[in-house]
Amino acid sequence: MNWLSTNVLVLSQESAAEIHVKPGKAVLTDQELEIMKIVWSRGSSTVREVYEELLKRRKIAYTTVMTMMGILEQKGRLRKSEQARAFVYTPSEPQTKVVGSMVQEFVKRVFNGSAKPLLVHLVENMDVDGAQIEEISELLKEKKLLKENLKENLKENLKEKRRKK
């Protein structure tokens, strides 16, 4: 997939920097995902709150967090609003939707769109206990049943439409 590049100009009181951003909602980098997880867990956050949370894990500059959150806003992952003289960022999509699209993109890139090799790899190579395997098995059975029911409903709807003609 080819991405068209755009340049975004970010201005602060101290300096100006040009940041290279890919349009659309590309897969999140490790650092972006780390920030998003903090914002998702809190519901909304200021740059200062995210910065202080990240400082508990590792050394990072406040300006780096501010820049990364600006990039996430440009990518459409965060929304910014001003509240009590501070910008508050909220996620534009729920965590489940973003993670789901990241998993789909991974399966598409690594396994040519087939989830089977991924599941086989996880079961054979990961530390998965019997309870987790049983849970995965039940989820797959439910998914299969849902697809069968959907297929049956579509057939019934087509029959009904044909009768009405």
Protein backbone atom coordinates (compact mmCIF):
# COMPACT_ATOMS: atom_id res chain seq x y z
CA MET A 1 0.00 0.00 0.00
CA ASN A 2 1.41 3.39 -0.93
CA TRP A 3 0.92 6.26 1.46
CA LEU A 4 0.88 9.86 0.38
CA SER A 5 2.89 11.93 2.79
CA THR A 6 1.92 15.22 4.33
CA ASN A 7 3.90 17.58 6.49
CA VAL A 8 2.35 19.02 9.63
CA LEU A 9 3.73 22.14 11.23
CA VAL A 10 3.65 22.03 15.04
CA LEU A 11 4.31 25.30 16.82
CA SER A 12 5.08 25.75 20.49
CA GLN A 13 6.15 28.90 22.33
CA GLU A 14 9.78 27.73 22.47
CA SER A 15 10.31 26.29 18.99
CA ALA A 16 8.77 25.15 15.76
CA ALA A 17 9.22 21.68 14.29
CA GLU A 18 8.05 20.00 11.13
CA ILE A 19 6.63 16.50 11.60
CA HIS A 20 6.13 13.93 8.86
CA VAL A 21 2.66 12.32 9.24
CA LYS A 22 0.96 9.65 7.13
CA PRO A 23 -2.67 10.47 6.39
CA GLY A 24 -5.39 8.08 7.43
CA LYS A 25 -5.38 5.83 10.42
CA ALA A 26 -2.18 3.85 10.02
CA VAL A 27 -1.15 1.17 12.47
CA LEU A 28 0.07 2.70 15.72
CA THR A 29 3.76 2.70 16.60
CA ASP A 30 4.82 1.19 19.95
CA GLN A 31 5.10 4.65 21.52
CA GLU A 32 1.74 5.78 20.13
CA LEU A 33 0.07 2.61 21.39
CA GLU A 34 1.58 3.15 24.84
CA ILE A 35 0.10 6.65 24.94
CA MET A 36 -3.27 5.47 23.63
CA LYS A 37 -3.46 2.76 26.32
CA ILE A 38 -3.01 5.43 29.00
CA VAL A 39 -5.70 7.67 27.47
CA TRP A 40 -8.09 4.70 27.02
CA SER A 41 -7.60 3.63 30.64
CA ARG A 42 -8.29 7.14 31.94
CA GLY A 43 -11.05 8.04 29.49
CA SER A 44 -9.40 11.39 28.81
CA SER A 45 -6.03 12.92 29.68
CA THR A 46 -3.92 16.02 29.45
CA VAL A 47 -0.36 15.86 28.12
CA ARG A 48 0.86 16.34 31.71
CA GLU A 49 -1.12 13.31 32.97
CA VAL A 50 0.19 11.07 30.19
CA TYR A 51 3.72 12.40 30.74
CA GLU A 52 3.58 11.65 34.48
CA GLU A 53 2.27 8.13 33.82
CA LEU A 54 5.03 7.44 31.29
CA LEU A 55 7.66 8.78 33.72
CA LYS A 56 6.75 5.96 36.12
CA ARG A 57 7.92 3.50 33.43
CA ARG A 58 10.85 5.27 31.77
CA LYS A 59 12.56 8.59 31.22
CA ILE A 60 10.82 10.70 28.57
CA ALA A 61 10.66 14.41 27.75
CA TYR A 62 7.42 16.32 28.21
CA THR A 63 7.83 17.79 24.70
CA THR A 64 8.08 14.27 23.24
CA VAL A 65 4.73 13.34 24.80
CA MET A 66 3.20 16.61 23.59
CA THR A 67 4.49 15.98 20.05
CA MET A 68 3.30 12.36 20.02
CA MET A 69 -0.18 13.34 21.23
CA GLY A 70 -0.29 16.01 18.50
CA ILE A 71 0.57 13.35 15.92
CA LEU A 72 -2.16 11.08 17.32
CA GLU A 73 -4.60 13.96 16.97
CA GLN A 74 -3.47 14.54 13.35
CA LYS A 75 -3.93 10.82 12.65
CA GLY A 76 -7.48 11.06 13.99
CA ARG A 77 -6.80 8.80 16.99
CA LEU A 78 -7.29 11.52 19.62
CA ARG A 79 -9.63 14.51 19.89
CA LYS A 80 -8.50 17.65 21.67
CA SER A 81 -10.65 20.10 23.61
CA GLU A 82 -9.73 22.99 25.87
CA GLN A 83 -10.85 22.75 29.49
CA ALA A 84 -9.67 25.04 32.31
CA ARG A 85 -6.65 26.39 30.40
CA ALA A 86 -5.42 22.90 29.42
CA PHE A 87 -5.97 20.71 26.40
CA VAL A 88 -7.75 17.46 27.22
CA TYR A 89 -7.39 14.55 24.82
CA THR A 90 -10.02 11.84 24.40
CA PRO A 91 -9.84 8.75 22.19
CA SER A 92 -11.75 9.09 18.93
CA GLU A 93 -12.33 5.30 18.80
CA PRO A 94 -12.70 2.58 21.44
CA GLN A 95 -9.67 0.43 22.22
CA THR A 96 -11.38 -2.73 20.94
CA LYS A 97 -11.93 -1.21 17.48
CA VAL A 98 -8.35 0.06 17.15
CA VAL A 99 -6.76 -3.15 18.43
CA GLY A 100 -9.07 -5.19 16.20
CA SER A 101 -7.99 -3.27 13.11
CA MET A 102 -4.33 -3.64 14.13
CA VAL A 103 -4.76 -7.41 14.49
CA GLN A 104 -6.49 -7.59 11.10
CA GLU A 105 -3.66 -5.62 9.49
CA PHE A 106 -1.09 -7.93 11.14
CA VAL A 107 -2.90 -11.07 9.91
CA LYS A 108 -3.16 -9.55 6.44
CA ARG A 109 0.55 -8.64 6.26
CA VAL A 110 2.09 -11.66 7.99
CA PHE A 111 -0.36 -14.48 7.20
CA ASN A 112 -1.81 -13.26 3.86
CA GLY A 113 -5.18 -12.62 5.49
CA SER A 114 -5.66 -16.11 6.97
CA ALA A 115 -6.15 -16.34 10.73
CA LYS A 116 -5.59 -20.11 10.80
CA PRO A 117 -1.75 -19.99 10.73
CA LEU A 118 -1.84 -17.40 13.52
CA LEU A 119 -4.06 -19.58 15.71
CA VAL A 120 -1.93 -22.65 14.99
CA HIS A 121 1.21 -20.70 15.90
CA LEU A 122 -0.30 -19.41 19.14
CA VAL A 123 -1.49 -22.86 20.24
CA GLU A 124 1.76 -24.62 19.28
CA ASN A 125 4.32 -22.04 20.39
CA MET A 126 2.85 -19.91 23.13
CA ASP A 127 2.38 -20.79 26.77
CA VAL A 128 -1.35 -21.49 26.43
CA ASP A 129 -3.05 -23.56 29.13
CA GLY A 130 -5.98 -25.93 28.68
CA ALA A 131 -8.52 -23.37 29.89
CA GLN A 132 -7.39 -20.84 27.27
CA ILE A 133 -7.53 -23.47 24.51
CA GLU A 134 -11.06 -24.41 25.64
CA GLU A 135 -12.10 -20.74 25.63
CA ILE A 136 -10.70 -20.27 22.10
CA SER A 137 -12.49 -23.43 20.98
CA GLU A 138 -15.82 -22.15 22.38
CA LEU A 139 -15.35 -18.78 20.68
CA LEU A 140 -14.72 -20.51 17.35
CA LYS A 141 -17.82 -22.69 17.81
CA GLU A 142 -19.92 -19.59 18.55
CA LYS A 143 -18.52 -17.81 15.49
CA LYS A 144 -19.32 -20.83 13.29
CA LEU A 145 -22.87 -21.01 14.67
CA LEU A 146 -23.41 -17.29 14.08
CA LYS A 147 -22.26 -17.62 10.47
CA GLU A 148 -24.53 -20.62 9.90
CA ASN A 149 -27.51 -18.74 11.39
CA LEU A 150 -26.76 -15.68 9.27
CA LYS A 151 -26.55 -17.81 6.14
CA GLU A 152 -29.86 -19.49 6.97
CA ASN A 153 -31.55 -16.12 7.62
CA LEU A 154 -30.33 -14.79 4.28
CA LYS A 155 -31.73 -17.84 2.49
CA GLU A 156 -35.09 -17.39 4.21
CA ASN A 157 -35.19 -13.69 3.30
CA LEU A 158 -34.49 -14.48 -0.35
CA LYS A 159 -37.25 -17.11 -0.40
CA GLU A 160 -39.68 -14.62 1.14
CA LYS A 161 -38.82 -11.95 -1.44
CA ARG A 162 -39.31 -14.42 -4.29
CA ARG A 163 -42.73 -15.44 -2.95
CA LYS A 164 -43.86 -11.82 -2.84
CA LYS A 165 -43.00 -11.27 -6.52
